[in-house]
Amino acid sequence: MDYVEMATGVRLRQPRTAPVLHQGNVIVNNLKIDRSNIGVVNTGNINEINSAITFVEKAGNVEIAKGLKDFSEAIIGTTELADPQKNEILDHLSFLSNEIKSKSESRHKTTTKTVLNTIKETLSVSSNLSTIWSVFYPLIKAYLGI
């Protein structure tokens, strides 16, 4: 190919572009994720959580949005939990994010109570995360009507 291009002067393929390398932290709209945690978290869960943050912010519930953002970032960045535990909590937050975006009459209240209790139990090993959860828990509980 290169020989043909040189002989004819006609470019046969697109020039190669350099790959994009993230040098610093990555921000997915609302959530700041340190580059060392990018491979650990499920991007589908992150997108759901991010979507819920945007949803409640636009609806004027800034306190819920801030709580969800702060709690999610704390889970992603903690070293007190193993990666499977982080992903389990992020799965639960993804579920709660869907509930946040749902109409109140179509929410799964029993399942939501179970998810909230499971998060609380999982966080019992971390005093820092338990403190953040104790601030966010009453907010999310009231917002979801539980």
N, C-alpha and C. Protein backbone atom coordinates (compact mmCIF):
# COMPACT_ATOMS: atom_id res chain seq x y z
N MET A 1 0.82 -1.19 0.00
CA MET A 1 0.00 0.00 0.00
C MET A 1 0.86 1.25 0.00
N ASP A 2 1.86 1.29 0.86
CA ASP A 2 2.69 2.48 0.93
C ASP A 2 3.39 2.74 -0.41
N TYR A 3 3.82 1.65 -1.08
CA TYR A 3 4.51 1.79 -2.35
C TYR A 3 3.57 2.39 -3.40
N VAL A 4 2.33 1.88 -3.44
CA VAL A 4 1.34 2.38 -4.40
C VAL A 4 1.05 3.85 -4.12
N GLU A 5 0.90 4.21 -2.88
CA GLU A 5 0.63 5.59 -2.52
C GLU A 5 1.79 6.49 -2.97
N MET A 6 3.01 6.03 -2.75
CA MET A 6 4.17 6.83 -3.12
C MET A 6 4.27 6.96 -4.64
N ALA A 7 3.99 5.88 -5.37
CA ALA A 7 4.13 5.89 -6.82
C ALA A 7 3.06 6.74 -7.50
N THR A 8 1.82 6.67 -6.97
CA THR A 8 0.73 7.38 -7.62
C THR A 8 0.45 8.74 -7.01
N GLY A 9 0.83 8.94 -5.77
CA GLY A 9 0.53 10.19 -5.09
C GLY A 9 -0.90 10.23 -4.57
N VAL A 10 -1.61 9.12 -4.68
CA VAL A 10 -3.00 9.05 -4.21
C VAL A 10 -3.02 8.32 -2.86
N ARG A 11 -3.65 8.96 -1.92
CA ARG A 11 -3.74 8.37 -0.58
C ARG A 11 -4.86 7.32 -0.59
N LEU A 12 -4.55 6.07 -0.24
CA LEU A 12 -5.52 4.98 -0.28
C LEU A 12 -6.18 4.69 1.06
N ARG A 13 -5.64 5.21 2.11
CA ARG A 13 -6.22 4.95 3.44
C ARG A 13 -6.15 6.22 4.27
N GLN A 14 -6.95 6.23 5.29
CA GLN A 14 -7.00 7.38 6.18
C GLN A 14 -5.74 7.42 7.03
N PRO A 15 -5.27 8.62 7.33
CA PRO A 15 -4.09 8.70 8.20
C PRO A 15 -4.42 8.16 9.59
N ARG A 16 -3.46 7.58 10.21
CA ARG A 16 -3.66 7.03 11.55
C ARG A 16 -3.73 8.16 12.57
N THR A 17 -4.67 8.01 13.50
CA THR A 17 -4.76 8.99 14.58
C THR A 17 -4.20 8.38 15.85
N ALA A 18 -3.62 9.20 16.65
CA ALA A 18 -3.05 8.73 17.90
C ALA A 18 -4.17 8.35 18.86
N PRO A 19 -4.03 7.26 19.61
CA PRO A 19 -5.06 6.89 20.58
C PRO A 19 -5.15 7.92 21.70
N VAL A 20 -6.35 8.05 22.24
CA VAL A 20 -6.56 8.97 23.34
C VAL A 20 -6.20 8.27 24.64
N LEU A 21 -5.26 8.83 25.37
CA LEU A 21 -4.85 8.27 26.65
C LEU A 21 -5.27 9.25 27.74
N HIS A 22 -5.99 8.75 28.72
CA HIS A 22 -6.41 9.59 29.83
C HIS A 22 -5.26 9.70 30.83
N GLN A 23 -4.78 10.90 31.01
CA GLN A 23 -3.66 11.11 31.90
C GLN A 23 -4.08 11.40 33.34
N GLY A 24 -5.25 11.94 33.51
CA GLY A 24 -5.69 12.31 34.85
C GLY A 24 -6.98 11.60 35.21
N ASN A 25 -7.71 12.19 36.13
CA ASN A 25 -8.99 11.63 36.52
C ASN A 25 -10.01 11.81 35.41
N VAL A 26 -10.99 10.91 35.36
CA VAL A 26 -12.03 10.97 34.36
C VAL A 26 -13.32 11.39 35.04
N ILE A 27 -14.04 12.33 34.42
CA ILE A 27 -15.32 12.76 34.97
C ILE A 27 -16.40 12.35 33.98
N VAL A 28 -17.32 11.49 34.43
CA VAL A 28 -18.44 11.06 33.62
C VAL A 28 -19.60 11.97 33.99
N ASN A 29 -19.71 13.09 33.31
CA ASN A 29 -20.70 14.13 33.57
C ASN A 29 -20.70 14.57 35.03
N ASN A 30 -21.22 13.75 35.93
CA ASN A 30 -21.37 14.14 37.32
C ASN A 30 -20.36 13.48 38.26
N LEU A 31 -19.92 12.29 37.92
CA LEU A 31 -19.08 11.50 38.82
C LEU A 31 -17.61 11.60 38.44
N LYS A 32 -16.79 11.86 39.43
CA LYS A 32 -15.35 11.91 39.22
C LYS A 32 -14.78 10.53 39.61
N ILE A 33 -14.12 9.90 38.64
CA ILE A 33 -13.58 8.56 38.86
C ILE A 33 -12.07 8.63 38.65
N ASP A 34 -11.32 8.27 39.68
CA ASP A 34 -9.87 8.24 39.59
C ASP A 34 -9.46 7.19 38.56
N ARG A 35 -8.40 7.48 37.83
CA ARG A 35 -7.98 6.56 36.75
C ARG A 35 -7.65 5.16 37.25
N SER A 36 -7.29 5.02 38.51
CA SER A 36 -6.96 3.69 39.03
C SER A 36 -8.21 2.85 39.27
N ASN A 37 -9.39 3.47 39.25
CA ASN A 37 -10.64 2.74 39.49
C ASN A 37 -11.46 2.49 38.22
N ILE A 38 -10.99 2.98 37.09
CA ILE A 38 -11.78 2.88 35.86
C ILE A 38 -12.07 1.43 35.49
N GLY A 39 -11.11 0.54 35.59
CA GLY A 39 -11.32 -0.85 35.22
C GLY A 39 -12.09 -1.65 36.25
N VAL A 40 -12.29 -1.09 37.42
CA VAL A 40 -12.94 -1.80 38.51
C VAL A 40 -14.45 -1.71 38.44
N VAL A 41 -14.96 -0.56 38.00
CA VAL A 41 -16.40 -0.31 38.06
C VAL A 41 -17.09 -0.66 36.75
N ASN A 42 -18.35 -1.05 36.86
CA ASN A 42 -19.18 -1.38 35.72
C ASN A 42 -19.71 -0.07 35.13
N THR A 43 -19.38 0.20 33.88
CA THR A 43 -19.79 1.47 33.28
C THR A 43 -21.30 1.59 33.13
N GLY A 44 -22.00 0.46 32.99
CA GLY A 44 -23.46 0.51 32.94
C GLY A 44 -24.04 1.05 34.23
N ASN A 45 -23.50 0.59 35.36
CA ASN A 45 -23.95 1.10 36.66
C ASN A 45 -23.64 2.58 36.80
N ILE A 46 -22.45 2.98 36.39
CA ILE A 46 -22.04 4.38 36.48
C ILE A 46 -22.97 5.25 35.64
N ASN A 47 -23.31 4.78 34.44
CA ASN A 47 -24.21 5.55 33.59
C ASN A 47 -25.60 5.70 34.21
N GLU A 48 -26.10 4.64 34.84
CA GLU A 48 -27.41 4.72 35.50
C GLU A 48 -27.39 5.72 36.66
N ILE A 49 -26.34 5.65 37.45
CA ILE A 49 -26.21 6.56 38.60
C ILE A 49 -26.07 7.99 38.10
N ASN A 50 -25.25 8.18 37.09
CA ASN A 50 -25.06 9.51 36.50
C ASN A 50 -26.38 10.07 35.97
N SER A 51 -27.14 9.23 35.32
CA SER A 51 -28.44 9.63 34.78
C SER A 51 -29.40 10.05 35.90
N ALA A 52 -29.39 9.32 37.00
CA ALA A 52 -30.26 9.66 38.14
C ALA A 52 -29.84 10.98 38.76
N ILE A 53 -28.53 11.22 38.85
CA ILE A 53 -28.04 12.49 39.40
C ILE A 53 -28.56 13.64 38.55
N THR A 54 -28.42 13.51 37.25
CA THR A 54 -28.90 14.55 36.34
C THR A 54 -30.41 14.72 36.47
N PHE A 55 -31.13 13.62 36.56
CA PHE A 55 -32.60 13.65 36.67
C PHE A 55 -33.06 14.42 37.90
N VAL A 56 -32.50 14.10 39.06
CA VAL A 56 -32.95 14.77 40.29
C VAL A 56 -32.46 16.21 40.35
N GLU A 57 -31.30 16.49 39.76
CA GLU A 57 -30.82 17.87 39.70
C GLU A 57 -31.77 18.73 38.89
N LYS A 58 -32.17 18.22 37.72
CA LYS A 58 -33.09 18.97 36.86
C LYS A 58 -34.46 19.13 37.50
N ALA A 59 -34.83 18.19 38.35
CA ALA A 59 -36.11 18.27 39.05
C ALA A 59 -36.04 19.19 40.27
N GLY A 60 -34.84 19.71 40.57
CA GLY A 60 -34.68 20.65 41.67
C GLY A 60 -34.31 20.02 43.00
N ASN A 61 -34.01 18.73 43.01
CA ASN A 61 -33.63 18.04 44.24
C ASN A 61 -32.11 17.95 44.35
N VAL A 62 -31.50 19.10 44.53
CA VAL A 62 -30.05 19.20 44.55
C VAL A 62 -29.44 18.40 45.70
N GLU A 63 -30.12 18.35 46.82
CA GLU A 63 -29.60 17.62 47.98
C GLU A 63 -29.50 16.12 47.70
N ILE A 64 -30.52 15.56 47.04
CA ILE A 64 -30.49 14.13 46.66
C ILE A 64 -29.36 13.90 45.65
N ALA A 65 -29.26 14.79 44.66
CA ALA A 65 -28.22 14.65 43.63
C ALA A 65 -26.83 14.69 44.27
N LYS A 66 -26.61 15.62 45.16
CA LYS A 66 -25.31 15.73 45.83
C LYS A 66 -25.03 14.50 46.69
N GLY A 67 -26.05 14.03 47.41
CA GLY A 67 -25.88 12.83 48.24
C GLY A 67 -25.53 11.61 47.41
N LEU A 68 -26.23 11.41 46.29
CA LEU A 68 -25.96 10.27 45.42
C LEU A 68 -24.57 10.38 44.81
N LYS A 69 -24.20 11.58 44.40
CA LYS A 69 -22.88 11.81 43.82
C LYS A 69 -21.78 11.54 44.85
N ASP A 70 -21.91 12.14 46.03
CA ASP A 70 -20.89 11.98 47.07
C ASP A 70 -20.76 10.53 47.51
N PHE A 71 -21.89 9.86 47.68
CA PHE A 71 -21.85 8.46 48.12
C PHE A 71 -21.24 7.57 47.04
N SER A 72 -21.63 7.78 45.79
CA SER A 72 -21.09 6.96 44.69
C SER A 72 -19.59 7.15 44.56
N GLU A 73 -19.13 8.39 44.62
CA GLU A 73 -17.70 8.65 44.52
C GLU A 73 -16.94 8.06 45.70
N ALA A 74 -17.56 8.08 46.88
CA ALA A 74 -16.91 7.49 48.06
C ALA A 74 -16.77 5.97 47.88
N ILE A 75 -17.79 5.33 47.34
CA ILE A 75 -17.73 3.88 47.11
C ILE A 75 -16.64 3.57 46.09
N ILE A 76 -16.64 4.29 44.98
CA ILE A 76 -15.67 4.04 43.92
C ILE A 76 -14.24 4.25 44.41
N GLY A 77 -14.02 5.26 45.22
CA GLY A 77 -12.67 5.61 45.64
C GLY A 77 -12.16 4.96 46.90
N THR A 78 -13.01 4.23 47.61
CA THR A 78 -12.59 3.66 48.89
C THR A 78 -11.60 2.51 48.72
N THR A 79 -10.73 2.39 49.71
CA THR A 79 -9.84 1.23 49.76
C THR A 79 -10.28 0.28 50.88
N GLU A 80 -11.36 0.64 51.56
CA GLU A 80 -11.85 -0.18 52.68
C GLU A 80 -12.71 -1.36 52.22
N LEU A 81 -13.12 -1.35 50.96
CA LEU A 81 -13.92 -2.43 50.41
C LEU A 81 -13.18 -3.10 49.27
N ALA A 82 -13.38 -4.39 49.13
CA ALA A 82 -12.80 -5.12 47.99
C ALA A 82 -13.61 -4.78 46.74
N ASP A 83 -13.01 -4.99 45.58
CA ASP A 83 -13.67 -4.65 44.32
C ASP A 83 -15.04 -5.33 44.15
N PRO A 84 -15.19 -6.61 44.51
CA PRO A 84 -16.52 -7.22 44.39
C PRO A 84 -17.58 -6.53 45.27
N GLN A 85 -17.17 -6.09 46.46
CA GLN A 85 -18.10 -5.37 47.34
C GLN A 85 -18.47 -4.01 46.74
N LYS A 86 -17.49 -3.32 46.16
CA LYS A 86 -17.77 -2.05 45.50
C LYS A 86 -18.80 -2.24 44.39
N ASN A 87 -18.56 -3.27 43.57
CA ASN A 87 -19.46 -3.51 42.44
C ASN A 87 -20.86 -3.92 42.92
N GLU A 88 -20.92 -4.66 44.02
CA GLU A 88 -22.22 -5.04 44.57
C GLU A 88 -23.00 -3.78 45.00
N ILE A 89 -22.33 -2.89 45.69
CA ILE A 89 -22.99 -1.66 46.13
C ILE A 89 -23.37 -0.80 44.93
N LEU A 90 -22.50 -0.73 43.93
CA LEU A 90 -22.82 0.04 42.72
C LEU A 90 -23.99 -0.58 41.97
N ASP A 91 -24.11 -1.92 41.99
CA ASP A 91 -25.30 -2.58 41.42
C ASP A 91 -26.55 -2.11 42.15
N HIS A 92 -26.47 -2.07 43.47
CA HIS A 92 -27.61 -1.62 44.27
C HIS A 92 -27.93 -0.15 43.99
N LEU A 93 -26.90 0.67 43.87
CA LEU A 93 -27.13 2.08 43.56
C LEU A 93 -27.71 2.25 42.16
N SER A 94 -27.35 1.38 41.25
CA SER A 94 -27.93 1.41 39.91
C SER A 94 -29.43 1.11 39.99
N PHE A 95 -29.78 0.11 40.79
CA PHE A 95 -31.20 -0.21 41.00
C PHE A 95 -31.92 1.00 41.61
N LEU A 96 -31.34 1.59 42.65
CA LEU A 96 -31.95 2.75 43.30
C LEU A 96 -32.06 3.92 42.31
N SER A 97 -31.09 4.04 41.43
CA SER A 97 -31.13 5.10 40.42
C SER A 97 -32.34 4.92 39.49
N ASN A 98 -32.61 3.69 39.12
CA ASN A 98 -33.80 3.42 38.30
C ASN A 98 -35.08 3.74 39.07
N GLU A 99 -35.07 3.43 40.35
CA GLU A 99 -36.23 3.74 41.18
C GLU A 99 -36.43 5.25 41.32
N ILE A 100 -35.34 5.98 41.43
CA ILE A 100 -35.40 7.43 41.52
C ILE A 100 -36.08 8.02 40.28
N LYS A 101 -35.75 7.46 39.11
CA LYS A 101 -36.29 7.98 37.86
C LYS A 101 -37.70 7.48 37.56
N SER A 102 -38.17 6.49 38.32
CA SER A 102 -39.50 5.93 38.09
C SER A 102 -40.57 6.78 38.76
N LYS A 103 -41.77 6.67 38.24
CA LYS A 103 -42.90 7.32 38.90
C LYS A 103 -43.16 6.61 40.22
N SER A 104 -43.66 7.35 41.20
CA SER A 104 -43.82 6.78 42.55
C SER A 104 -44.75 5.56 42.57
N GLU A 105 -45.76 5.54 41.72
CA GLU A 105 -46.69 4.39 41.74
C GLU A 105 -46.09 3.14 41.10
N SER A 106 -45.00 3.26 40.37
CA SER A 106 -44.40 2.07 39.75
C SER A 106 -43.12 1.63 40.44
N ARG A 107 -42.83 2.19 41.60
CA ARG A 107 -41.62 1.81 42.34
C ARG A 107 -41.82 0.49 43.08
N HIS A 108 -40.74 -0.24 43.25
CA HIS A 108 -40.74 -1.53 43.95
C HIS A 108 -40.31 -1.29 45.40
N LYS A 109 -41.25 -0.97 46.25
CA LYS A 109 -40.91 -0.54 47.62
C LYS A 109 -40.29 -1.64 48.45
N THR A 110 -40.80 -2.86 48.35
CA THR A 110 -40.25 -3.96 49.16
C THR A 110 -38.81 -4.26 48.75
N THR A 111 -38.58 -4.34 47.45
CA THR A 111 -37.22 -4.59 46.95
C THR A 111 -36.29 -3.45 47.33
N THR A 112 -36.79 -2.22 47.25
CA THR A 112 -36.00 -1.05 47.59
C THR A 112 -35.59 -1.08 49.06
N LYS A 113 -36.50 -1.47 49.95
CA LYS A 113 -36.16 -1.59 51.37
C LYS A 113 -35.05 -2.62 51.57
N THR A 114 -35.16 -3.74 50.87
CA THR A 114 -34.14 -4.79 50.98
C THR A 114 -32.79 -4.28 50.49
N VAL A 115 -32.78 -3.56 49.37
CA VAL A 115 -31.54 -3.02 48.82
C VAL A 115 -30.92 -2.02 49.79
N LEU A 116 -31.73 -1.15 50.37
CA LEU A 116 -31.21 -0.17 51.33
C LEU A 116 -30.59 -0.86 52.54
N ASN A 117 -31.25 -1.90 53.04
CA ASN A 117 -30.71 -2.64 54.19
C ASN A 117 -29.43 -3.40 53.83
N THR A 118 -29.38 -3.94 52.62
CA THR A 118 -28.18 -4.66 52.18
C THR A 118 -26.99 -3.72 52.08
N ILE A 119 -27.22 -2.52 51.56
CA ILE A 119 -26.13 -1.54 51.49
C ILE A 119 -25.63 -1.22 52.89
N LYS A 120 -26.56 -1.00 53.80
CA LYS A 120 -26.18 -0.67 55.18
C LYS A 120 -25.34 -1.79 55.80
N GLU A 121 -25.75 -3.04 55.59
CA GLU A 121 -25.01 -4.17 56.14
C GLU A 121 -23.61 -4.27 55.52
N THR A 122 -23.52 -4.08 54.23
CA THR A 122 -22.23 -4.17 53.54
C THR A 122 -21.27 -3.09 54.03
N LEU A 123 -21.81 -1.93 54.35
CA LEU A 123 -20.96 -0.81 54.78
C LEU A 123 -20.57 -0.87 56.25
N SER A 124 -21.06 -1.85 56.97
CA SER A 124 -20.77 -1.92 58.40
C SER A 124 -19.27 -2.08 58.70
N VAL A 125 -18.50 -2.50 57.71
CA VAL A 125 -17.06 -2.67 57.91
C VAL A 125 -16.28 -1.36 57.77
N SER A 126 -16.94 -0.31 57.31
CA SER A 126 -16.25 0.95 57.06
C SER A 126 -16.94 2.09 57.79
N SER A 127 -16.25 2.68 58.75
CA SER A 127 -16.86 3.78 59.50
C SER A 127 -17.01 5.02 58.62
N ASN A 128 -16.06 5.27 57.74
CA ASN A 128 -16.14 6.43 56.85
C ASN A 128 -17.35 6.34 55.92
N LEU A 129 -17.52 5.18 55.27
CA LEU A 129 -18.65 5.00 54.36
C LEU A 129 -19.97 4.96 55.11
N SER A 130 -19.96 4.39 56.30
CA SER A 130 -21.18 4.36 57.13
C SER A 130 -21.62 5.77 57.49
N THR A 131 -20.67 6.65 57.73
CA THR A 131 -20.99 8.04 58.05
C THR A 131 -21.64 8.73 56.85
N ILE A 132 -21.06 8.54 55.67
CA ILE A 132 -21.63 9.13 54.45
C ILE A 132 -23.02 8.55 54.18
N TRP A 133 -23.15 7.23 54.39
CA TRP A 133 -24.44 6.57 54.18
C TRP A 133 -25.49 7.10 55.16
N SER A 134 -25.09 7.37 56.40
CA SER A 134 -26.06 7.84 57.40
C SER A 134 -26.62 9.22 57.02
N VAL A 135 -25.89 9.99 56.22
CA VAL A 135 -26.39 11.27 55.73
C VAL A 135 -27.31 11.06 54.52
N PHE A 136 -26.90 10.18 53.61
CA PHE A 136 -27.65 9.95 52.37
C PHE A 136 -28.90 9.10 52.59
N TYR A 137 -28.83 8.13 53.49
CA TYR A 137 -29.94 7.19 53.71
C TYR A 137 -31.29 7.87 53.99
N PRO A 138 -31.38 8.80 54.94
CA PRO A 138 -32.70 9.43 55.18
C PRO A 138 -33.21 10.23 53.98
N LEU A 139 -32.30 10.81 53.22
CA LEU A 139 -32.69 11.57 52.03
C LEU A 139 -33.31 10.67 50.96
N ILE A 140 -32.61 9.57 50.66
CA ILE A 140 -33.10 8.65 49.62
C ILE A 140 -34.37 7.95 50.07
N LYS A 141 -34.42 7.62 51.34
CA LYS A 141 -35.61 6.95 51.90
C LYS A 141 -36.84 7.87 51.78
N ALA A 142 -36.68 9.12 52.14
CA ALA A 142 -37.79 10.08 52.03
C ALA A 142 -38.17 10.33 50.58
N TYR A 143 -37.18 10.46 49.71
CA TYR A 143 -37.45 10.72 48.29
C TYR A 143 -38.22 9.57 47.65
N LEU A 144 -37.87 8.34 48.02
CA LEU A 144 -38.55 7.16 47.45
C LEU A 144 -39.84 6.81 48.18
N GLY A 145 -40.14 7.52 49.26
CA GLY A 145 -41.40 7.30 50.00
C GLY A 145 -41.44 6.01 50.77
N ILE A 146 -40.32 5.67 51.39
CA ILE A 146 -40.25 4.41 52.15
C ILE A 146 -40.18 4.71 53.64
